[in-house]
Amino acid sequence: SLTCLHTKLLATQHHLLIEIGSDPIEDWFKSLFVRKVDPRKDAHSHVLAKKEDNNLYKIQFHNVKPECLDAYNELCEDVLPSIHADPEYPCELVGTWNTWYGEQDQAVHLWRYRGGYPALTEVMNKLRQNKDFINYRTERGKMLLSRRNQLLLEFSFWNEPSPRPGPNIYELRSYQLRPGTMIEWGNYWARAIEIRQQNQEAVGGFFSQIGSLYQVHHLWAYKDLQSRENIRNAAWQREGWDEVVYYTVPLIQHMESSIMIPMKTSPLK
């Protein structure tokens, strides 16, 4: 019968494919887990980052011995503003904070290098000759339990961080994304940031280049914790916010929120 003939032909084809090293059943299962993407000729950083200003950012996380936190803050307030104010150094201190809720006894510093990697290299070379900075690093080392940093680029659709009056609290929301999802994340947040700009709480958005990769940092400013709660709840009443959350949550492997208080000398008050 035709049914029997069709079955025999399928069986023959199956055996031939196995002989040449291809099992259609196995290939079909593999295809379920292979994500097909369009080939790109640009790096993610070229697609997502601002091109007109060529800014590079460095974020530093310092975990301080609890008994040394006050002395550490005084040391930073004495030294870091002088580097920020010196025109010989092509870098700016964007903000400097102590973590209030989150990792305890932690300081966070965010620097901007106008001119990208060459500016970073220039600053590092000059600091090696700066005796005050060398002494600062020596004293700082006695107060720290651990430290880490990342080099970041800013998303093209976020405002550049600029000094603002206080008092404010700041929230640093950090997202570890699944590898390969940065473009997708950026596409959704390019629309979402318009929703979250209405109260001027959006300070800056960055993605990592060196350090922990596929990591995103969003920096927000609020008057206090209750204002944060009110503003975040209001976002759910705006069209499109629920869609952004729905489609971006599956892209995240891990997320963390820290509430930070500016140090006295922070440009972001």
Protein backbone atom coordinates (compact mmCIF):
# COMPACT_ATOMS: atom_id res chain seq x y z
CA SER A 1 0.00 0.00 0.00
CA LEU A 2 1.01 3.64 -0.30
CA THR A 3 1.25 3.92 3.49
CA CYS A 4 3.68 1.00 3.72
CA LEU A 5 5.76 2.38 0.84
CA HIS A 6 5.94 5.80 2.49
CA THR A 7 7.05 4.21 5.77
CA LYS A 8 9.79 2.24 4.00
CA LEU A 9 11.05 5.37 2.22
CA LEU A 10 11.24 7.29 5.52
CA ALA A 11 13.11 4.40 7.16
CA THR A 12 15.58 4.23 4.29
CA GLN A 13 16.16 7.98 4.44
CA HIS A 14 16.68 7.78 8.20
CA HIS A 15 19.32 5.02 7.83
CA LEU A 16 21.14 6.92 5.07
CA LEU A 17 21.32 10.06 7.20
CA ILE A 18 22.71 8.08 10.15
CA GLU A 19 25.41 6.58 7.86
CA ILE A 20 26.62 10.05 6.87
CA GLY A 21 26.64 11.21 10.47
CA SER A 22 23.29 13.01 10.71
CA ASP A 23 20.35 11.79 12.77
CA PRO A 24 17.21 13.80 11.90
CA ILE A 25 15.59 13.13 15.27
CA GLU A 26 18.68 14.30 17.14
CA ASP A 27 19.01 17.32 14.83
CA TRP A 28 15.38 18.23 15.45
CA PHE A 29 15.87 18.19 19.23
CA LYS A 30 19.04 20.29 18.88
CA SER A 31 17.19 22.85 16.81
CA LEU A 32 14.81 23.47 19.72
CA PHE A 33 17.69 24.86 21.82
CA VAL A 34 19.61 26.75 19.16
CA ARG A 35 18.76 30.45 19.05
CA LYS A 36 19.04 31.76 15.52
CA VAL A 37 20.20 35.38 15.28
CA ASP A 38 20.87 37.67 12.38
CA PRO A 39 24.59 38.18 11.73
CA ARG A 40 25.92 41.55 12.90
CA LYS A 41 28.92 43.51 11.73
CA ASP A 42 29.01 45.88 14.74
CA ALA A 43 29.98 45.18 18.36
CA HIS A 44 27.23 45.66 20.93
CA SER A 45 29.14 48.60 22.38
CA HIS A 46 29.02 50.41 19.02
CA VAL A 47 25.30 49.86 18.71
CA LEU A 48 24.27 50.79 22.27
CA ALA A 49 26.74 53.44 23.43
CA LYS A 50 26.79 57.17 22.86
CA LYS A 51 29.12 58.05 20.01
CA GLU A 52 29.24 61.84 20.20
CA ASP A 53 31.08 62.21 23.52
CA ASN A 54 33.30 59.10 23.75
CA ASN A 55 32.91 58.85 27.52
CA LEU A 56 34.28 55.93 29.52
CA TYR A 57 33.16 55.32 33.10
CA LYS A 58 34.76 53.46 35.98
CA ILE A 59 32.75 52.27 38.94
CA GLN A 60 34.60 51.22 42.10
CA PHE A 61 33.23 49.16 44.99
CA HIS A 62 35.24 49.33 48.21
CA ASN A 63 34.27 47.13 51.16
CA VAL A 64 35.64 48.90 54.22
CA LYS A 65 36.48 47.53 57.65
CA PRO A 66 33.52 48.62 59.82
CA GLU A 67 35.70 50.38 62.36
CA CYS A 68 37.44 52.35 59.59
CA LEU A 69 34.46 53.72 57.65
CA ASP A 70 34.57 57.25 59.10
CA ALA A 71 38.32 57.54 58.57
CA TYR A 72 37.96 56.15 55.03
CA ASN A 73 35.30 58.76 54.18
CA GLU A 74 37.48 61.58 55.50
CA LEU A 75 40.43 60.32 53.47
CA CYS A 76 38.36 60.19 50.27
CA GLU A 77 36.90 63.65 50.89
CA ASP A 78 40.41 65.07 51.28
CA VAL A 79 41.94 63.55 48.12
CA LEU A 80 39.34 62.68 45.45
CA PRO A 81 37.96 66.23 44.89
CA SER A 82 41.47 67.54 44.17
CA ILE A 83 41.87 65.06 41.31
CA HIS A 84 38.39 65.94 40.04
CA ALA A 85 39.19 69.68 40.05
CA ASP A 86 42.66 69.46 38.48
CA PRO A 87 42.47 70.28 34.74
CA GLU A 88 45.60 68.20 34.17
CA TYR A 89 43.53 65.07 34.77
CA PRO A 90 40.92 64.32 32.04
CA CYS A 91 38.52 62.71 34.51
CA GLU A 92 35.56 63.75 36.63
CA LEU A 93 34.12 62.37 39.83
CA VAL A 94 30.47 61.80 38.93
CA GLY A 95 29.40 60.63 42.36
CA THR A 96 30.66 59.02 45.54
CA TRP A 97 28.45 57.25 48.08
CA ASN A 98 28.17 55.00 51.11
CA THR A 99 25.76 52.11 50.79
CA TRP A 100 22.86 52.47 53.21
CA TYR A 101 20.82 49.37 52.36
CA GLY A 102 22.57 46.52 50.60
CA GLU A 103 26.25 45.68 51.07
CA GLN A 104 27.12 47.24 54.42
CA ASP A 105 30.25 49.34 55.09
CA GLN A 106 30.69 49.85 51.37
CA ALA A 107 31.77 52.90 49.36
CA VAL A 108 30.92 53.36 45.68
CA HIS A 109 32.74 55.79 43.39
CA LEU A 110 31.78 56.60 39.80
CA TRP A 111 34.32 58.34 37.52
CA ARG A 112 33.95 59.70 33.98
CA TYR A 113 36.87 59.79 31.52
CA ARG A 114 36.20 62.16 28.63
CA GLY A 115 38.20 60.77 25.73
CA GLY A 116 37.72 57.06 26.43
CA TYR A 117 40.58 54.63 26.98
CA PRO A 118 43.38 57.11 26.12
CA ALA A 119 42.08 59.45 28.83
CA LEU A 120 41.97 56.57 31.32
CA THR A 121 45.56 55.62 30.49
CA GLU A 122 46.71 59.23 30.82
CA VAL A 123 45.12 59.57 34.26
CA MET A 124 46.59 56.29 35.50
CA ASN A 125 50.09 57.27 34.34
CA LYS A 126 49.88 60.67 36.03
CA LEU A 127 48.55 59.23 39.29
CA ARG A 128 51.59 56.96 39.53
CA GLN A 129 53.66 60.13 39.86
CA ASN A 130 51.28 61.84 42.29
CA LYS A 131 52.70 61.53 45.82
CA ASP A 132 49.45 62.56 47.49
CA PHE A 133 47.58 59.85 45.60
CA ILE A 134 50.24 57.25 46.39
CA ASN A 135 49.93 58.08 50.09
CA TYR A 136 46.14 57.94 49.76
CA ARG A 137 46.31 54.44 48.28
CA THR A 138 48.68 53.29 51.02
CA GLU A 139 46.40 54.55 53.80
CA ARG A 140 43.28 53.32 52.01
CA GLY A 141 44.73 49.83 51.71
CA LYS A 142 44.90 49.54 55.50
CA MET A 143 41.14 50.18 55.74
CA LEU A 144 39.77 47.87 53.04
CA LEU A 145 38.54 44.29 53.18
CA SER A 146 38.14 44.01 49.40
CA ARG A 147 37.69 46.12 46.29
CA ARG A 148 36.61 45.66 42.69
CA ASN A 149 35.89 47.84 39.70
CA GLN A 150 34.40 47.80 36.22
CA LEU A 151 34.82 49.87 33.09
CA LEU A 152 31.47 50.96 31.67
CA LEU A 153 29.90 52.67 28.69
CA GLU A 154 26.69 54.67 28.94
CA PHE A 155 23.56 53.73 27.02
CA SER A 156 22.79 56.19 24.23
CA PHE A 157 19.18 56.68 25.37
CA TRP A 158 20.00 57.74 28.98
CA ASN A 159 20.84 61.28 30.01
CA GLU A 160 24.47 61.89 30.89
CA PRO A 161 24.86 62.04 34.71
CA SER A 162 25.25 65.64 35.83
CA PRO A 163 25.52 67.29 39.26
CA ARG A 164 22.21 67.79 41.03
CA PRO A 165 21.24 69.47 44.30
CA GLY A 166 20.17 67.46 47.30
CA PRO A 167 19.40 66.00 49.58
CA ASN A 168 18.71 62.80 47.65
CA ILE A 169 19.10 59.11 48.14
CA TYR A 170 20.39 57.06 45.20
CA GLU A 171 19.45 53.59 44.08
CA LEU A 172 21.93 51.50 42.11
CA ARG A 173 20.12 48.65 40.40
CA SER A 174 22.53 46.08 38.92
CA TYR A 175 21.42 43.40 36.47
CA GLN A 176 23.42 40.38 35.37
CA LEU A 177 22.03 39.56 31.92
CA ARG A 178 22.11 36.33 30.01
CA PRO A 179 24.95 36.43 27.46
CA GLY A 180 23.76 37.59 24.07
CA THR A 181 20.77 39.60 25.32
CA MET A 182 22.28 43.10 25.65
CA ILE A 183 20.83 44.39 22.36
CA GLU A 184 17.39 43.10 23.30
CA TRP A 185 17.66 44.76 26.72
CA GLY A 186 18.66 48.04 25.13
CA ASN A 187 15.78 47.96 22.66
CA TYR A 188 13.20 47.65 25.44
CA TRP A 189 14.82 50.21 27.74
CA ALA A 190 15.14 52.78 24.96
CA ARG A 191 11.33 52.95 25.14
CA ALA A 192 11.04 52.39 28.90
CA ILE A 193 13.28 55.30 29.89
CA GLU A 194 10.72 57.74 28.48
CA ILE A 195 8.23 56.42 31.04
CA ARG A 196 10.67 56.78 33.92
CA GLN A 197 11.89 60.31 33.08
CA GLN A 198 8.71 62.10 34.13
CA ASN A 199 9.91 62.66 37.71
CA GLN A 200 13.55 63.26 36.72
CA GLU A 201 14.64 60.26 38.77
CA ALA A 202 16.76 58.69 36.01
CA VAL A 203 20.42 59.62 36.60
CA GLY A 204 22.41 57.26 34.35
CA GLY A 205 22.45 53.89 32.64
CA PHE A 206 25.62 51.91 31.94
CA PHE A 207 26.77 48.53 30.65
CA SER A 208 30.05 46.78 31.41
CA GLN A 209 33.03 46.50 29.09
CA ILE A 210 35.69 45.13 31.44
CA GLY A 211 35.05 43.32 34.72
CA SER A 212 31.84 41.35 35.16
CA LEU A 213 30.46 41.18 31.62
CA TYR A 214 26.84 41.45 30.45
CA GLN A 215 26.14 43.56 33.51
CA VAL A 216 23.94 46.66 33.49
CA HIS A 217 23.78 49.41 36.12
CA HIS A 218 20.85 51.83 36.41
CA LEU A 219 21.31 54.80 38.74
CA TRP A 220 18.22 56.58 40.14
CA ALA A 221 17.72 59.54 42.49
CA TYR A 222 14.83 60.02 44.94
CA LYS A 223 14.08 62.43 47.74
CA ASP A 224 13.54 59.58 50.19
CA LEU A 225 12.40 55.95 50.37
CA GLN A 226 8.71 56.85 50.36
CA SER A 227 9.16 58.96 47.21
CA ARG A 228 10.91 56.00 45.62
CA GLU A 229 7.95 53.78 46.46
CA ASN A 230 5.42 56.27 45.10
CA ILE A 231 7.29 56.88 41.84
CA ARG A 232 7.87 53.20 41.16
CA ASN A 233 4.21 52.38 41.83
CA ALA A 234 3.08 55.19 39.52
CA ALA A 235 5.12 53.72 36.65
CA TRP A 236 2.74 50.74 36.55
CA GLN A 237 -0.11 53.11 35.68
CA ARG A 238 1.65 54.27 32.50
CA GLU A 239 1.11 52.52 29.21
CA GLY A 240 3.95 50.22 28.19
CA TRP A 241 5.70 49.75 31.56
CA ASP A 242 4.14 46.35 32.22
CA GLU A 243 5.26 45.20 28.77
CA VAL A 244 8.86 46.25 29.41
CA VAL A 245 8.96 44.34 32.69
CA TYR A 246 7.34 41.28 31.11
CA TYR A 247 9.88 41.05 28.29
CA THR A 248 13.05 42.02 30.17
CA VAL A 249 12.68 39.81 33.26
CA PRO A 250 13.53 36.61 31.26
CA LEU A 251 16.80 38.25 30.15
CA ILE A 252 18.06 38.55 33.75
CA GLN A 253 20.17 35.97 35.56
CA HIS A 254 20.61 37.99 38.76
CA MET A 255 19.64 41.44 40.01
CA GLU A 256 20.51 43.56 43.01
CA SER A 257 19.38 46.87 44.46
CA SER A 258 21.44 49.14 46.74
CA ILE A 259 20.32 52.36 48.40
CA MET A 260 23.20 54.82 48.73
CA ILE A 261 23.82 58.11 50.56
CA PRO A 262 26.12 60.71 48.91
CA MET A 263 29.35 61.64 50.64
CA LYS A 264 29.84 65.34 51.45
CA THR A 265 31.97 66.02 48.37
CA SER A 266 29.85 64.08 45.86
CA PRO A 267 28.75 66.15 42.80
CA LEU A 268 25.52 64.14 42.90
CA LYS A 269 24.03 65.39 46.16
